[in-house]
Amino acid sequence: MSLVAIVGRPNVGKSTLFNRLVGNRQAIVDDTAGVTRDRHYGKCEWCGREFSVVDTGGYTSNSDDIFEGEIRKQVKIAIDEADLVLFLVEVGTGVTDFDEEIADLLRRSGKPVMLVVNKVDSSDKVSDIYQFYSLGLGDPIDISSANGSGTGDMLDELVKRLPADEKMVKEDENIPKIAIVGRPNAGKSSITNAFLGEDRNIVTEIAGTTRDSIESRYNKFGHDFILVDTAGLRKKTKVQEDLEFYSVMRAVKSIEQADVCILMIDATKGIEAQDMSIFNLIIKNKKGCVIAVNKWDLVEKNSNTMKEYTEAIKKRIAPFVDLPIIFTSATQKQRILDLLDAAAAVWENYSKKIPTSRLNELMLEEIENFPPPSTKGKYIKIKFITQLPTKSPSFAFFCNLPQYIGDPYKRFLENRLRKHFDFNGCPIQIYMRKK
């Protein structure tokens, strides 16, 4: 899936345009404490083409020289990662020094750029857009993100300029894709090298979907999958916001391509806000997940260290705690095979299809023993269950009053499904439907 970044100086309407593009669709990561950047990520669909959108705005330094601070970092990151850049300027203020600085970066990047002039909300302002030709980025497109005028024409042009979606050859459709994701310096490069080894002939190169995510065929130790290699993160300046924004942009692209994600955590630092950001991306995208606690050889240990570390991780990631946690050392090749085996097992669970008869036999008995609580004197009866034909595990429960079934009972149903059918590592979706 292509990634479109909206860049521009403060107060040109980036967030307004972002909200209009993604509409009422829920951003992938919940707006919870410590996950401050991820509300700026969403998906847009136009003319049958779906693409991801990242808004680079919303946080700037209080420095007098704003561009030299956070804006420059965000724009550079967006240029690195995006397949197409929407450069937003404002008709009322005309061309500013900041606009020229950003335009210079964009011209030198060689990336496809659309120059969009915002706040053209009346016909007498249309003639003012021609001054933006001086930026050297082609024909400006005039819109008003506030009232929506011009955005349809802009989206028509945008989907024309997006790179074609790469499709895997048909024979590889049933081969799982496993992505290694995580914040910078968590050990992704080391673990990838440990997987692939020095004998490169075990890898058959397949055309990558993006410049940065290389897909390789991996067939070693009895495993056969497509490894979405996101290693090679360039070291950035150690600014927390910068690193978080960068790692989330990389994770967005990698996670969407994958079936199962291996989330790398640095054992010496524990699970931090960036790790939670990427974990939430995985779960909200309904992907299988394995947590790899890397650099375990650098941690001082006693007999309870691993158990205590596991409990601490599960406390952070609750309520979804039914997933493998593997303690590894990429440099020492410690438990590397265990990690591969865990990822393969999660894929088996992820692609599992439960026969409807077996599903009803076990789950209706559970429901009879522990029925939904009555609400307003009304008794809820669940009559039938079926697994939906989705890629990730999803189940529909047909009942007489679906609107009265709350989240606690849905969690009970999910736990019973996990008990009977082993969906370790897979998020489960529960839907209540009218019988």
Protein backbone atom coordinates (compact mmCIF):
# COMPACT_ATOMS: atom_id res chain seq x y z
CA MET A 1 0.00 0.00 0.00
CA SER A 2 1.36 3.40 -0.98
CA LEU A 3 2.16 6.04 1.62
CA VAL A 4 1.28 9.72 1.06
CA ALA A 5 2.77 12.37 3.35
CA ILE A 6 1.30 15.84 3.85
CA VAL A 7 4.09 18.35 4.48
CA GLY A 8 4.20 22.10 4.90
CA ARG A 9 4.89 24.85 7.37
CA PRO A 10 2.62 25.38 10.43
CA ASN A 11 -0.95 26.64 10.05
CA VAL A 12 -1.44 25.97 6.35
CA GLY A 13 -4.25 23.45 7.06
CA LYS A 14 -2.42 20.11 6.99
CA SER A 15 -4.50 18.55 9.74
CA THR A 16 -7.75 19.80 8.21
CA LEU A 17 -6.82 18.22 4.88
CA PHE A 18 -5.74 15.03 6.64
CA ASN A 19 -9.09 14.77 8.44
CA ARG A 20 -10.95 15.31 5.20
CA LEU A 21 -8.95 12.62 3.40
CA VAL A 22 -9.36 9.95 6.07
CA GLY A 23 -12.94 10.95 6.85
CA ASN A 24 -14.46 9.18 9.83
CA ARG A 25 -12.14 6.20 9.59
CA GLN A 26 -10.45 5.46 12.86
CA ALA A 27 -6.69 6.02 12.93
CA ILE A 28 -4.79 2.81 13.51
CA VAL A 29 -3.36 3.68 16.91
CA ASP A 30 -5.57 4.71 19.80
CA ASP A 31 -5.10 8.22 21.14
CA THR A 32 -3.77 7.06 24.51
CA ALA A 33 -1.09 8.40 26.80
CA GLY A 34 2.35 8.03 25.27
CA VAL A 35 1.00 7.51 21.76
CA THR A 36 0.99 11.13 20.75
CA ARG A 37 1.95 10.98 17.09
CA ASP A 38 -0.13 8.11 15.80
CA ARG A 39 -3.39 10.02 15.57
CA HIS A 40 -1.82 11.54 12.43
CA TYR A 41 -1.98 8.27 10.53
CA GLY A 42 -4.98 7.00 8.59
CA LYS A 43 -6.21 5.44 5.38
CA CYS A 44 -7.96 6.97 2.39
CA GLU A 45 -9.77 5.29 -0.48
CA TRP A 46 -10.48 7.00 -3.79
CA CYS A 47 -11.69 5.45 -7.04
CA GLY A 48 -11.02 1.97 -5.69
CA ARG A 49 -7.43 2.76 -4.72
CA GLU A 50 -6.54 2.62 -1.02
CA PHE A 51 -3.47 4.39 0.34
CA SER A 52 -2.08 5.48 3.70
CA VAL A 53 -1.84 9.13 4.71
CA VAL A 54 0.54 10.64 7.26
CA ASP A 55 0.14 14.17 8.56
CA THR A 56 3.54 15.59 9.52
CA GLY A 57 2.02 18.53 11.34
CA GLY A 58 0.83 19.13 14.85
CA TYR A 59 4.00 19.50 16.84
CA THR A 60 6.67 22.15 16.50
CA SER A 61 9.32 23.53 18.78
CA ASN A 62 8.97 26.88 20.52
CA SER A 63 12.23 27.97 19.00
CA ASP A 64 12.29 31.28 17.16
CA ASP A 65 13.78 29.42 14.21
CA ILE A 66 10.98 26.91 13.73
CA PHE A 67 12.17 25.45 10.43
CA GLU A 68 15.60 24.56 11.77
CA GLY A 69 13.89 22.54 14.52
CA GLU A 70 11.17 19.95 14.27
CA ILE A 71 9.75 20.92 10.87
CA ARG A 72 12.99 20.14 9.04
CA LYS A 73 13.22 16.72 10.73
CA GLN A 74 9.63 15.81 9.94
CA VAL A 75 9.84 16.90 6.32
CA LYS A 76 13.07 14.96 5.75
CA ILE A 77 11.59 11.84 7.29
CA ALA A 78 8.40 12.17 5.23
CA ILE A 79 10.44 12.61 2.05
CA ASP A 80 12.47 9.49 2.88
CA GLU A 81 9.49 7.27 3.54
CA ALA A 82 6.60 8.48 1.36
CA ASP A 83 5.77 7.29 -2.14
CA LEU A 84 4.22 10.69 -2.89
CA VAL A 85 4.37 14.02 -1.07
CA LEU A 86 1.51 16.53 -0.84
CA PHE A 87 3.20 19.89 -0.30
CA LEU A 88 0.57 22.21 1.19
CA VAL A 89 0.90 25.99 0.98
CA GLU A 90 -1.54 28.79 1.78
CA VAL A 91 -2.89 31.26 -0.75
CA GLY A 92 -3.37 34.09 1.77
CA THR A 93 0.26 34.42 2.86
CA GLY A 94 1.82 33.67 -0.51
CA VAL A 95 5.27 32.14 -0.87
CA THR A 96 7.24 32.32 2.39
CA ASP A 97 10.89 31.57 3.20
CA PHE A 98 9.79 28.34 4.90
CA ASP A 99 7.90 27.29 1.75
CA GLU A 100 11.01 27.86 -0.35
CA GLU A 101 13.16 25.83 2.08
CA ILE A 102 10.74 22.89 1.96
CA ALA A 103 10.40 23.16 -1.83
CA ASP A 104 14.19 23.01 -2.15
CA LEU A 105 14.28 19.78 -0.12
CA LEU A 106 11.49 18.30 -2.24
CA ARG A 107 13.09 19.20 -5.57
CA ARG A 108 16.37 17.59 -4.56
CA SER A 109 14.66 14.46 -3.24
CA GLY A 110 13.46 13.31 -6.64
CA LYS A 111 10.19 12.09 -5.05
CA PRO A 112 6.83 12.70 -6.77
CA VAL A 113 5.40 15.92 -5.34
CA MET A 114 1.97 17.52 -5.68
CA LEU A 115 1.89 21.24 -4.92
CA VAL A 116 -1.48 22.00 -3.28
CA VAL A 117 -2.60 25.57 -2.54
CA ASN A 118 -5.03 25.62 0.37
CA LYS A 119 -7.68 28.09 1.55
CA VAL A 120 -8.78 29.00 -1.99
CA ASP A 121 -12.37 29.30 -0.83
CA SER A 122 -13.59 31.99 -3.24
CA SER A 123 -13.19 32.64 -6.96
CA ASP A 124 -11.33 35.92 -6.45
CA LYS A 125 -8.44 34.01 -4.83
CA VAL A 126 -7.89 31.65 -7.77
CA SER A 127 -5.67 34.14 -9.61
CA ASP A 128 -3.36 34.26 -6.58
CA ILE A 129 -2.25 30.64 -6.99
CA TYR A 130 0.05 31.45 -9.93
CA GLN A 131 2.68 32.95 -7.64
CA PHE A 132 3.44 29.39 -6.44
CA TYR A 133 4.92 28.45 -9.83
CA SER A 134 8.05 30.12 -8.48
CA LEU A 135 8.59 27.08 -6.21
CA GLY A 136 9.49 25.00 -9.28
CA LEU A 137 7.23 22.07 -8.41
CA GLY A 138 4.88 22.06 -11.36
CA ASP A 139 1.26 23.12 -11.64
CA PRO A 140 -0.34 24.10 -8.31
CA ILE A 141 -3.73 22.56 -7.49
CA ASP A 142 -6.13 24.85 -5.62
CA ILE A 143 -8.36 23.47 -2.85
CA SER A 144 -10.13 24.47 0.31
CA SER A 145 -9.64 21.71 2.87
CA ALA A 146 -12.17 23.43 5.17
CA ASN A 147 -15.15 23.19 2.79
CA GLY A 148 -13.83 20.46 0.50
CA SER A 149 -13.81 22.36 -2.78
CA GLY A 150 -11.19 21.07 -5.19
CA THR A 151 -10.31 18.02 -3.11
CA GLY A 152 -11.96 15.62 -5.57
CA ASP A 153 -9.84 16.90 -8.47
CA MET A 154 -6.78 16.74 -6.21
CA LEU A 155 -7.49 13.08 -5.34
CA ASP A 156 -8.05 12.21 -9.01
CA GLU A 157 -4.58 13.54 -9.79
CA LEU A 158 -3.08 11.93 -6.67
CA VAL A 159 -4.14 8.37 -7.53
CA LYS A 160 -2.78 8.83 -11.07
CA ARG A 161 0.64 9.66 -9.64
CA LEU A 162 0.81 6.86 -7.07
CA PRO A 163 3.14 4.01 -7.99
CA ALA A 164 1.41 0.86 -9.14
CA ASP A 165 0.72 -1.62 -6.34
CA GLU A 166 3.19 -4.47 -6.63
CA LYS A 167 1.49 -7.86 -6.62
CA MET A 168 3.17 -11.06 -5.55
CA VAL A 169 3.14 -13.75 -8.21
CA LYS A 170 0.20 -16.10 -7.89
CA GLU A 171 2.23 -19.10 -6.77
CA ASP A 172 3.37 -17.16 -3.69
CA GLU A 173 -0.10 -16.03 -2.57
CA ASN A 174 -0.31 -18.63 0.18
CA ILE A 175 3.18 -18.03 1.53
CA PRO A 176 3.07 -15.98 4.74
CA LYS A 177 4.73 -12.59 4.96
CA ILE A 178 6.62 -11.98 8.18
CA ALA A 179 7.83 -8.45 8.98
CA ILE A 180 10.44 -7.53 11.55
CA VAL A 181 9.45 -4.20 13.08
CA GLY A 182 10.51 -2.11 16.02
CA ARG A 183 12.06 1.15 17.04
CA PRO A 184 15.56 2.11 15.88
CA ASN A 185 18.45 0.18 17.44
CA ALA A 186 16.27 -2.63 18.79
CA GLY A 187 18.25 -5.17 16.76
CA LYS A 188 16.24 -5.58 13.55
CA SER A 189 19.31 -5.62 11.32
CA SER A 190 21.06 -8.18 13.52
CA ILE A 191 18.06 -10.50 13.71
CA THR A 192 17.55 -10.30 9.94
CA ASN A 193 21.18 -11.23 9.34
CA ALA A 194 20.86 -14.06 11.85
CA PHE A 195 17.81 -15.37 9.97
CA LEU A 196 19.34 -15.15 6.51
CA GLY A 197 22.88 -16.18 7.48
CA GLU A 198 25.88 -15.85 5.22
CA ASP A 199 24.64 -18.43 2.72
CA ARG A 200 22.65 -16.05 0.56
CA ASN A 201 21.59 -18.70 -1.94
CA ILE A 202 18.75 -19.67 0.39
CA VAL A 203 17.15 -16.34 -0.53
CA THR A 204 15.34 -15.73 -3.79
CA GLU A 205 14.87 -12.02 -4.41
CA ILE A 206 11.31 -10.94 -5.17
CA ALA A 207 10.49 -7.43 -6.36
CA GLY A 208 10.01 -5.24 -3.30
CA THR A 209 6.90 -3.16 -2.91
CA THR A 210 8.86 -0.09 -1.80
CA ARG A 211 12.38 1.22 -1.84
CA ASP A 212 12.84 0.48 1.85
CA SER A 213 10.97 -2.79 2.41
CA ILE A 214 12.77 -5.61 0.59
CA GLU A 215 10.85 -8.86 0.27
CA SER A 216 13.01 -11.99 0.29
CA ARG A 217 12.00 -15.64 -0.02
CA TYR A 218 13.26 -17.49 3.06
CA ASN A 219 13.42 -21.29 3.02
CA LYS A 220 15.64 -22.66 5.75
CA PHE A 221 15.20 -24.90 8.82
CA GLY A 222 11.92 -26.23 7.46
CA HIS A 223 10.34 -22.79 7.11
CA ASP A 224 9.11 -21.14 3.93
CA PHE A 225 7.93 -17.53 4.03
CA ILE A 226 8.40 -14.06 2.61
CA LEU A 227 10.59 -12.01 4.92
CA VAL A 228 9.68 -8.32 4.79
CA ASP A 229 13.07 -6.91 5.66
CA THR A 230 12.79 -3.52 7.36
CA ALA A 231 16.37 -3.59 8.63
CA GLY A 232 18.90 -0.86 7.99
CA LEU A 233 17.27 1.99 9.85
CA ARG A 234 19.51 4.99 9.54
CA LYS A 235 20.60 6.38 12.87
CA LYS A 236 18.83 9.64 13.57
CA THR A 237 19.54 12.35 16.08
CA LYS A 238 18.44 11.19 19.52
CA VAL A 239 15.33 13.32 19.79
CA GLN A 240 12.43 11.35 21.19
CA GLU A 241 9.72 12.88 18.98
CA ASP A 242 11.88 12.49 15.90
CA LEU A 243 12.65 8.83 16.56
CA GLU A 244 9.04 8.01 17.39
CA PHE A 245 7.70 9.68 14.28
CA TYR A 246 10.31 7.97 12.11
CA SER A 247 9.76 4.48 13.55
CA VAL A 248 5.98 4.76 13.19
CA MET A 249 6.27 5.78 9.53
CA ARG A 250 8.49 2.78 8.83
CA ALA A 251 6.21 0.47 10.81
CA VAL A 252 3.09 1.63 8.95
CA LYS A 253 4.45 0.43 5.63
CA SER A 254 5.95 -2.80 6.92
CA ILE A 255 2.96 -3.90 8.99
CA GLU A 256 0.46 -3.39 6.16
CA GLN A 257 2.46 -5.74 3.93
CA ALA A 258 2.76 -8.49 6.54
CA ASP A 259 0.65 -11.35 7.88
CA VAL A 260 2.71 -11.80 11.04
CA CYS A 261 4.91 -9.18 12.70
CA ILE A 262 7.90 -9.82 14.91
CA LEU A 263 8.11 -6.83 17.24
CA MET A 264 11.67 -6.32 18.42
CA ILE A 265 12.12 -4.90 21.93
CA ASP A 266 15.46 -3.88 23.43
CA ALA A 267 15.82 -5.91 26.64
CA THR A 268 18.12 -3.30 28.17
CA LYS A 269 15.43 -0.61 27.89
CA GLY A 270 12.18 -2.51 28.37
CA ILE A 271 8.93 -1.81 26.55
CA GLU A 272 8.62 1.94 25.93
CA ALA A 273 6.12 4.30 24.34
CA GLN A 274 7.53 3.72 20.84
CA ASP A 275 7.15 -0.04 21.27
CA MET A 276 3.53 0.45 22.35
CA SER A 277 2.90 2.67 19.32
CA ILE A 278 4.06 -0.06 16.96
CA PHE A 279 2.30 -2.82 18.94
CA ASN A 280 -0.98 -0.90 18.64
CA LEU A 281 -0.38 -0.55 14.90
CA ILE A 282 -0.04 -4.33 14.63
CA ILE A 283 -3.19 -5.10 16.61
CA LYS A 284 -5.37 -2.45 14.98
CA ASN A 285 -4.25 -3.73 11.57
CA LYS A 286 -5.34 -7.22 12.73
CA LYS A 287 -1.95 -8.84 12.16
CA GLY A 288 -0.42 -11.77 13.99
CA CYS A 289 2.24 -10.79 16.51
CA VAL A 290 5.31 -12.25 18.20
CA ILE A 291 7.32 -10.17 20.68
CA ALA A 292 11.08 -10.73 20.54
CA VAL A 293 12.97 -9.37 23.55
CA ASN A 294 16.41 -8.89 21.98
CA LYS A 295 19.82 -8.30 23.63
CA TRP A 296 18.85 -10.70 26.41
CA ASP A 297 22.54 -11.60 26.84
CA LEU A 298 23.17 -8.05 28.13
CA VAL A 299 20.66 -8.31 30.99
CA GLU A 300 21.75 -9.38 34.48
CA LYS A 301 19.58 -12.36 35.35
CA ASN A 302 18.46 -14.57 38.19
CA SER A 303 16.06 -17.51 38.19
CA ASN A 304 12.97 -15.25 38.07
CA THR A 305 14.15 -12.55 35.66
CA MET A 306 12.48 -13.98 32.54
CA LYS A 307 9.17 -14.58 34.34
CA GLU A 308 9.14 -11.07 35.82
CA TYR A 309 10.03 -9.52 32.46
CA THR A 310 7.23 -11.45 30.76
CA GLU A 311 4.69 -10.30 33.36
CA ALA A 312 5.83 -6.67 32.97
CA ILE A 313 5.35 -6.84 29.19
CA LYS A 314 1.90 -8.42 29.49
CA LYS A 315 0.87 -5.73 31.96
CA ARG A 316 1.77 -3.05 29.40
CA ILE A 317 0.13 -4.68 26.38
CA ALA A 318 -3.11 -5.81 28.13
CA PRO A 319 -5.81 -6.79 27.29
CA PHE A 320 -4.26 -8.67 24.33
CA VAL A 321 -1.73 -10.85 26.16
CA ASP A 322 -2.21 -14.20 24.38
CA LEU A 323 0.92 -14.03 22.23
CA PRO A 324 4.41 -15.56 22.21
CA ILE A 325 7.22 -13.66 23.96
CA ILE A 326 10.65 -14.97 22.98
CA PHE A 327 13.88 -13.85 24.66
CA THR A 328 16.67 -13.70 22.09
CA SER A 329 20.15 -12.47 21.39
CA ALA A 330 20.70 -11.84 17.69
CA THR A 331 24.46 -11.44 18.05
CA GLN A 332 24.76 -14.71 20.02
CA LYS A 333 22.11 -16.42 17.84
CA GLN A 334 20.29 -17.35 21.03
CA ARG A 335 16.75 -18.79 20.51
CA ILE A 336 16.69 -17.68 16.87
CA LEU A 337 15.02 -20.93 15.84
CA ASP A 338 12.49 -20.54 18.65
CA LEU A 339 11.55 -17.15 17.20
CA LEU A 340 11.08 -18.63 13.73
CA ASP A 341 9.01 -21.50 15.14
CA ALA A 342 6.83 -19.04 17.10
CA ALA A 343 6.22 -16.89 13.99
CA ALA A 344 5.31 -19.99 11.96
CA ALA A 345 2.90 -21.16 14.70
CA VAL A 346 1.22 -17.74 14.80
CA TRP A 347 0.77 -17.89 11.02
CA GLU A 348 -0.91 -21.30 11.37
CA ASN A 349 -3.28 -19.82 13.96
CA TYR A 350 -3.80 -16.68 11.87
CA SER A 351 -4.89 -18.64 8.78
CA LYS A 352 -6.91 -21.24 10.74
CA LYS A 353 -10.50 -21.88 9.65
CA ILE A 354 -12.81 -23.53 12.20
CA PRO A 355 -15.61 -25.75 10.84
CA THR A 356 -18.98 -24.19 11.67
CA SER A 357 -20.30 -27.40 13.21
CA ARG A 358 -17.35 -27.67 15.59
CA LEU A 359 -17.59 -23.98 16.44
CA ASN A 360 -21.26 -24.24 17.41
CA GLU A 361 -20.80 -27.52 19.27
CA LEU A 362 -18.23 -26.06 21.67
CA MET A 363 -19.22 -22.42 21.89
CA LEU A 364 -22.99 -22.87 22.32
CA GLU A 365 -22.27 -25.13 25.31
CA GLU A 366 -20.04 -22.40 26.81
CA ILE A 367 -22.77 -19.80 26.21
CA GLU A 368 -25.41 -22.05 27.79
CA ASN A 369 -23.24 -22.45 30.90
CA PHE A 370 -22.54 -18.73 31.08
CA PRO A 371 -25.25 -16.82 29.15
CA PRO A 372 -25.15 -13.07 28.48
CA PRO A 373 -26.50 -11.03 31.40
CA SER A 374 -30.06 -9.81 31.02
CA THR A 375 -30.48 -6.12 30.27
CA LYS A 376 -33.61 -4.10 31.07
CA GLY A 377 -35.42 -7.35 31.79
CA LYS A 378 -34.62 -8.73 28.34
CA TYR A 379 -32.88 -12.07 27.92
CA ILE A 380 -30.31 -12.42 25.15
CA LYS A 381 -30.12 -15.71 23.28
CA ILE A 382 -27.21 -16.53 20.98
CA LYS A 383 -28.36 -19.09 18.42
CA PHE A 384 -25.56 -19.55 15.90
CA ILE A 385 -21.84 -18.82 15.39
CA THR A 386 -19.78 -18.78 12.23
CA GLN A 387 -16.28 -17.72 11.24
CA LEU A 388 -16.22 -14.89 8.72
CA PRO A 389 -14.25 -15.21 5.46
CA THR A 390 -11.69 -12.58 6.46
CA LYS A 391 -7.91 -12.91 6.42
CA SER A 392 -7.63 -12.47 10.20
CA PRO A 393 -9.75 -14.51 12.67
CA SER A 394 -13.24 -12.96 12.86
CA PHE A 395 -16.45 -14.48 14.20
CA ALA A 396 -20.11 -13.54 13.93
CA PHE A 397 -22.47 -14.43 16.79
CA PHE A 398 -26.14 -14.33 15.77
CA CYS A 399 -28.57 -13.42 18.53
CA ASN A 400 -31.93 -11.77 19.18
CA LEU A 401 -30.65 -8.55 20.83
CA PRO A 402 -27.08 -7.82 19.66
CA GLN A 403 -27.22 -4.20 20.82
CA TYR A 404 -27.35 -5.30 24.48
CA ILE A 405 -24.14 -7.36 24.48
CA GLY A 406 -21.31 -5.34 26.01
CA ASP A 407 -17.54 -5.55 25.78
CA PRO A 408 -17.09 -7.68 28.94
CA TYR A 409 -19.15 -10.51 27.46
CA LYS A 410 -17.36 -10.17 24.12
CA ARG A 411 -14.08 -10.62 25.99
CA PHE A 412 -15.52 -13.75 27.61
CA LEU A 413 -16.40 -15.13 24.16
CA GLU A 414 -12.94 -14.29 22.87
CA ASN A 415 -11.32 -16.07 25.81
CA ARG A 416 -13.45 -19.17 25.21
CA LEU A 417 -12.47 -19.16 21.52
CA ARG A 418 -8.81 -18.96 22.51
CA LYS A 419 -9.25 -21.79 25.02
CA HIS A 420 -10.80 -24.19 22.51
CA PHE A 421 -9.07 -23.32 19.24
CA ASP A 422 -5.66 -21.80 20.10
CA PHE A 423 -5.39 -18.39 18.48
CA ASN A 424 -2.12 -17.58 20.25
CA GLY A 425 -0.56 -14.47 18.71
CA CYS A 426 -3.67 -13.44 16.76
CA PRO A 427 -6.11 -10.62 17.51
CA ILE A 428 -9.72 -11.86 17.29
CA GLN A 429 -12.67 -9.78 16.08
CA ILE A 430 -16.11 -10.50 17.60
CA TYR A 431 -19.24 -9.26 15.80
CA MET A 432 -22.79 -9.53 17.16
CA ARG A 433 -25.45 -9.88 14.47
CA LYS A 434 -29.24 -9.93 14.48
CA LYS A 435 -30.62 -13.43 13.97
